[in-house]
N, C-alpha and C. Protein backbone atom coordinates (compact mmCIF):
# COMPACT_ATOMS: atom_id res chain seq x y z
N TYR A 1 57.47 51.19 75.20
CA TYR A 1 56.87 52.51 75.00
C TYR A 1 55.64 52.60 75.87
N ASP A 2 55.51 53.69 76.62
CA ASP A 2 54.32 53.85 77.45
C ASP A 2 53.40 54.89 76.82
N ASP A 3 52.29 55.20 77.49
CA ASP A 3 51.29 56.11 76.94
C ASP A 3 51.70 57.59 77.04
N VAL A 4 52.72 57.88 77.80
CA VAL A 4 53.14 59.27 77.98
C VAL A 4 54.20 59.60 76.93
N GLN A 5 53.94 60.64 76.18
CA GLN A 5 54.95 61.04 75.20
C GLN A 5 55.99 61.91 75.89
N ARG A 6 57.20 61.61 75.65
CA ARG A 6 58.28 62.35 76.30
C ARG A 6 59.13 63.05 75.24
N TYR A 7 59.57 64.23 75.61
CA TYR A 7 60.48 64.96 74.73
C TYR A 7 61.69 65.33 75.56
N ASN A 8 62.79 64.82 75.21
CA ASN A 8 64.03 65.11 75.92
C ASN A 8 64.92 65.99 75.04
N SER A 9 65.40 67.03 75.63
CA SER A 9 66.31 67.91 74.91
C SER A 9 67.41 68.34 75.86
N ARG A 10 68.61 68.33 75.39
CA ARG A 10 69.71 68.79 76.22
C ARG A 10 69.81 70.31 76.12
N LEU A 11 70.05 70.94 77.21
CA LEU A 11 70.17 72.40 77.23
C LEU A 11 71.29 72.86 76.30
N ALA A 12 72.37 72.12 76.26
CA ALA A 12 73.50 72.50 75.42
C ALA A 12 73.15 72.52 73.94
N ASP A 13 72.12 71.79 73.54
CA ASP A 13 71.72 71.78 72.14
C ASP A 13 70.95 73.04 71.75
N SER A 14 70.40 73.75 72.71
CA SER A 14 69.55 74.89 72.38
C SER A 14 70.11 76.24 72.82
N VAL A 15 71.19 76.26 73.58
CA VAL A 15 71.75 77.52 74.07
C VAL A 15 73.11 77.74 73.42
N VAL A 16 73.32 78.94 72.93
CA VAL A 16 74.59 79.28 72.29
C VAL A 16 75.19 80.48 73.03
N PHE A 17 76.41 80.34 73.45
CA PHE A 17 77.14 81.44 74.08
C PHE A 17 78.12 81.98 73.06
N ASP A 18 77.82 83.12 72.50
CA ASP A 18 78.66 83.69 71.45
C ASP A 18 79.28 84.98 71.99
N VAL A 19 80.49 84.87 72.49
CA VAL A 19 81.15 86.05 73.06
C VAL A 19 82.35 86.49 72.24
N PHE A 20 82.76 85.70 71.29
CA PHE A 20 83.91 86.04 70.46
C PHE A 20 83.46 86.53 69.10
N PRO A 21 84.30 87.31 68.41
CA PRO A 21 83.98 87.72 67.05
C PRO A 21 83.85 86.50 66.13
N ALA A 22 83.21 86.70 65.00
CA ALA A 22 82.92 85.58 64.09
C ALA A 22 84.17 84.98 63.46
N THR A 23 85.19 85.81 63.22
CA THR A 23 86.40 85.29 62.57
C THR A 23 87.62 85.59 63.42
N LEU A 24 88.70 84.87 63.13
CA LEU A 24 89.95 85.09 63.85
C LEU A 24 90.52 86.47 63.54
N ASP A 25 90.37 86.93 62.30
CA ASP A 25 90.86 88.26 61.94
C ASP A 25 90.17 89.35 62.77
N GLU A 26 88.87 89.21 62.97
CA GLU A 26 88.14 90.19 63.80
C GLU A 26 88.63 90.14 65.24
N PHE A 27 88.92 88.95 65.71
CA PHE A 27 89.42 88.80 67.08
C PHE A 27 90.77 89.49 67.24
N VAL A 28 91.66 89.31 66.27
CA VAL A 28 92.99 89.91 66.34
C VAL A 28 92.89 91.43 66.24
N ARG A 29 91.96 91.94 65.47
CA ARG A 29 91.81 93.38 65.28
C ARG A 29 91.13 94.08 66.45
N MET A 30 90.58 93.34 67.38
CA MET A 30 89.88 93.99 68.49
C MET A 30 90.83 94.90 69.25
N ASP A 31 90.36 96.06 69.61
CA ASP A 31 91.17 97.01 70.35
C ASP A 31 91.02 96.73 71.83
N TRP A 32 92.00 96.09 72.40
CA TRP A 32 91.94 95.73 73.81
C TRP A 32 92.35 96.92 74.68
N GLY A 33 93.01 97.90 74.09
CA GLY A 33 93.47 99.04 74.87
C GLY A 33 94.73 98.67 75.64
N SER A 34 95.45 99.67 76.06
CA SER A 34 96.69 99.42 76.80
C SER A 34 96.54 99.69 78.29
N ASN A 35 95.40 100.14 78.69
CA ASN A 35 95.20 100.50 80.10
C ASN A 35 94.28 99.52 80.80
N ILE A 36 94.57 98.25 80.70
CA ILE A 36 93.74 97.29 81.42
C ILE A 36 94.13 97.37 82.89
N ALA A 37 93.25 97.88 83.69
CA ALA A 37 93.54 98.07 85.11
C ALA A 37 92.45 97.41 85.94
N PHE A 38 92.87 96.82 87.00
CA PHE A 38 91.93 96.23 87.93
C PHE A 38 91.73 97.19 89.09
N PRO A 39 90.55 97.27 89.63
CA PRO A 39 90.34 98.18 90.77
C PRO A 39 91.16 97.72 91.96
N PRO A 40 91.66 98.65 92.75
CA PRO A 40 92.46 98.25 93.92
C PRO A 40 91.60 97.50 94.93
N LEU A 41 92.24 96.61 95.63
CA LEU A 41 91.54 95.88 96.69
C LEU A 41 91.26 96.84 97.85
N PRO A 42 90.11 96.71 98.49
CA PRO A 42 89.82 97.58 99.63
C PRO A 42 90.81 97.39 100.78
N ASP A 43 91.38 96.19 100.90
CA ASP A 43 92.35 95.91 101.97
C ASP A 43 93.35 94.88 101.46
N ALA A 44 94.35 95.34 100.71
CA ALA A 44 95.28 94.43 100.05
C ALA A 44 96.15 93.63 101.01
N ASP A 45 96.46 94.19 102.19
CA ASP A 45 97.32 93.45 103.13
C ASP A 45 96.52 92.72 104.20
N PHE A 46 95.22 92.77 104.11
CA PHE A 46 94.31 92.03 105.01
C PHE A 46 94.56 92.33 106.49
N ASP A 47 94.81 93.61 106.78
CA ASP A 47 95.01 93.99 108.18
C ASP A 47 93.76 94.63 108.79
N SER A 48 92.65 94.56 108.11
CA SER A 48 91.34 95.08 108.50
C SER A 48 91.22 96.59 108.35
N LEU A 49 92.22 97.23 107.75
CA LEU A 49 92.15 98.67 107.49
C LEU A 49 91.92 98.89 106.00
N ARG A 50 90.95 99.73 105.69
CA ARG A 50 90.73 100.06 104.28
C ARG A 50 91.89 100.92 103.80
N ARG A 51 92.15 100.86 102.50
CA ARG A 51 93.33 101.54 101.96
C ARG A 51 93.30 103.05 102.19
N GLU A 52 92.13 103.63 102.40
CA GLU A 52 92.04 105.07 102.63
C GLU A 52 92.71 105.49 103.94
N VAL A 53 92.74 104.61 104.93
CA VAL A 53 93.33 104.96 106.23
C VAL A 53 94.58 104.16 106.55
N ASP A 54 94.94 103.20 105.72
CA ASP A 54 96.09 102.34 105.97
C ASP A 54 97.38 103.08 105.60
N PRO A 55 98.33 103.22 106.53
CA PRO A 55 99.57 103.92 106.23
C PRO A 55 100.45 103.20 105.21
N ASN A 56 100.33 101.89 105.10
CA ASN A 56 101.11 101.13 104.13
C ASN A 56 100.29 99.91 103.72
N GLU A 57 99.73 99.97 102.53
CA GLU A 57 98.81 98.93 102.08
C GLU A 57 99.52 97.62 101.73
N SER A 58 100.85 97.62 101.73
CA SER A 58 101.56 96.38 101.41
C SER A 58 102.06 95.66 102.66
N SER A 59 101.80 96.22 103.83
CA SER A 59 102.27 95.59 105.07
C SER A 59 101.26 95.82 106.18
N TRP A 60 101.08 94.84 107.04
CA TRP A 60 100.14 94.98 108.16
C TRP A 60 100.76 95.82 109.27
N ASP A 61 102.09 96.02 109.23
CA ASP A 61 102.81 96.78 110.26
C ASP A 61 103.76 97.75 109.56
N ALA A 62 103.30 98.95 109.26
CA ALA A 62 104.06 99.91 108.46
C ALA A 62 105.38 100.30 109.11
N ASP A 63 105.43 100.44 110.43
CA ASP A 63 106.66 100.89 111.08
C ASP A 63 107.54 99.75 111.58
N GLY A 64 107.09 98.52 111.46
CA GLY A 64 107.91 97.37 111.82
C GLY A 64 108.14 97.19 113.31
N ASP A 65 107.26 97.73 114.13
CA ASP A 65 107.45 97.61 115.59
C ASP A 65 106.80 96.37 116.19
N GLY A 66 106.11 95.59 115.37
CA GLY A 66 105.47 94.38 115.87
C GLY A 66 104.01 94.56 116.26
N LEU A 67 103.52 95.78 116.21
CA LEU A 67 102.10 96.06 116.47
C LEU A 67 101.42 96.32 115.14
N SER A 68 100.26 95.76 114.95
CA SER A 68 99.57 95.99 113.68
C SER A 68 99.13 97.44 113.57
N ASP A 69 99.05 97.91 112.34
CA ASP A 69 98.58 99.28 112.11
C ASP A 69 97.17 99.46 112.65
N ALA A 70 96.35 98.44 112.54
CA ALA A 70 94.98 98.52 113.06
C ALA A 70 94.99 98.73 114.57
N PHE A 71 95.85 98.00 115.28
CA PHE A 71 95.96 98.14 116.74
C PHE A 71 96.40 99.56 117.10
N GLU A 72 97.45 100.05 116.40
CA GLU A 72 97.96 101.38 116.72
C GLU A 72 96.95 102.48 116.42
N LEU A 73 96.24 102.36 115.31
CA LEU A 73 95.23 103.37 115.00
C LEU A 73 94.06 103.32 115.98
N GLN A 74 93.69 102.12 116.39
CA GLN A 74 92.60 102.00 117.37
C GLN A 74 93.01 102.66 118.68
N ARG A 75 94.22 102.39 119.14
CA ARG A 75 94.69 103.00 120.39
C ARG A 75 94.82 104.52 120.26
N ALA A 76 95.27 104.99 119.11
CA ALA A 76 95.37 106.43 118.89
C ALA A 76 93.99 107.08 118.93
N ASN A 77 92.99 106.41 118.39
CA ASN A 77 91.62 106.93 118.43
C ASN A 77 91.06 106.95 119.85
N GLU A 78 91.64 106.11 120.72
CA GLU A 78 91.22 106.09 122.12
C GLU A 78 91.99 107.10 122.96
N GLY A 79 92.86 107.89 122.31
CA GLY A 79 93.60 108.94 123.02
C GLY A 79 95.00 108.55 123.45
N MET A 80 95.44 107.34 123.15
CA MET A 80 96.79 106.93 123.51
C MET A 80 97.77 107.39 122.43
N ARG A 81 99.05 107.51 122.81
CA ARG A 81 100.06 107.98 121.86
C ARG A 81 100.61 106.80 121.06
N PHE A 82 100.01 106.53 119.94
CA PHE A 82 100.48 105.51 119.00
C PHE A 82 100.42 106.10 117.60
N ASN A 83 101.48 105.86 116.83
CA ASN A 83 101.52 106.29 115.44
C ASN A 83 101.97 105.09 114.61
N PRO A 84 101.14 104.61 113.69
CA PRO A 84 101.51 103.42 112.92
C PRO A 84 102.68 103.65 111.96
N ARG A 85 103.12 104.90 111.82
CA ARG A 85 104.27 105.19 110.95
C ARG A 85 105.58 105.30 111.73
N LEU A 86 105.51 105.30 113.06
CA LEU A 86 106.71 105.42 113.89
C LEU A 86 106.82 104.24 114.84
N ALA A 87 107.96 103.56 114.83
CA ALA A 87 108.16 102.41 115.72
C ALA A 87 108.28 102.85 117.18
N ASP A 88 108.76 104.07 117.39
CA ASP A 88 108.88 104.65 118.74
C ASP A 88 108.19 106.00 118.71
N THR A 89 106.90 105.99 118.89
CA THR A 89 106.09 107.20 118.72
C THR A 89 106.55 108.36 119.59
N ASP A 90 106.86 108.09 120.85
CA ASP A 90 107.23 109.19 121.74
C ASP A 90 108.73 109.47 121.79
N GLY A 91 109.54 108.69 121.05
CA GLY A 91 110.97 108.96 120.94
C GLY A 91 111.78 108.71 122.19
N ASP A 92 111.31 107.86 123.09
CA ASP A 92 112.02 107.62 124.35
C ASP A 92 112.99 106.44 124.29
N GLY A 93 113.15 105.85 123.11
CA GLY A 93 114.07 104.73 122.98
C GLY A 93 113.41 103.37 123.15
N LEU A 94 112.19 103.32 123.60
CA LEU A 94 111.44 102.06 123.73
C LEU A 94 110.44 101.97 122.59
N SER A 95 110.39 100.82 121.96
CA SER A 95 109.45 100.67 120.84
C SER A 95 108.01 100.69 121.36
N ASP A 96 107.11 100.98 120.47
CA ASP A 96 105.69 100.98 120.84
C ASP A 96 105.25 99.61 121.33
N LEU A 97 105.84 98.54 120.79
CA LEU A 97 105.50 97.19 121.23
C LEU A 97 105.86 97.01 122.70
N VAL A 98 107.06 97.44 123.09
CA VAL A 98 107.49 97.32 124.49
C VAL A 98 106.56 98.13 125.39
N GLU A 99 106.25 99.34 124.97
CA GLU A 99 105.39 100.20 125.79
C GLU A 99 103.96 99.67 125.86
N ALA A 100 103.49 99.02 124.81
CA ALA A 100 102.13 98.48 124.82
C ALA A 100 101.99 97.35 125.83
N ARG A 101 103.09 96.67 126.13
CA ARG A 101 103.05 95.57 127.10
C ARG A 101 102.96 96.09 128.54
N TRP A 102 103.29 97.33 128.79
CA TRP A 102 103.26 97.88 130.15
C TRP A 102 101.90 98.37 130.44
């Protein structure tokens, strides 16, 4: 024993986290509601487009032409003829992917 008095206390002994009802009956009676909904993800398909502008939030390439929707929208904003909903935007028989390579 030294001259310094020490008091040791564990945090777990003094902190109580009480988030549940006191009894099991109260827990069972809690009204959880039937509309448990999670907010939508801002970009569920991770194609860098927010859902407000994404033509298909479940796919990075809505028209299946091999070009990402983000690429097609960016090119369309630059004045080029690209539509992320059409695989062949100009209807000439060549996919947008083929035309993007030229």
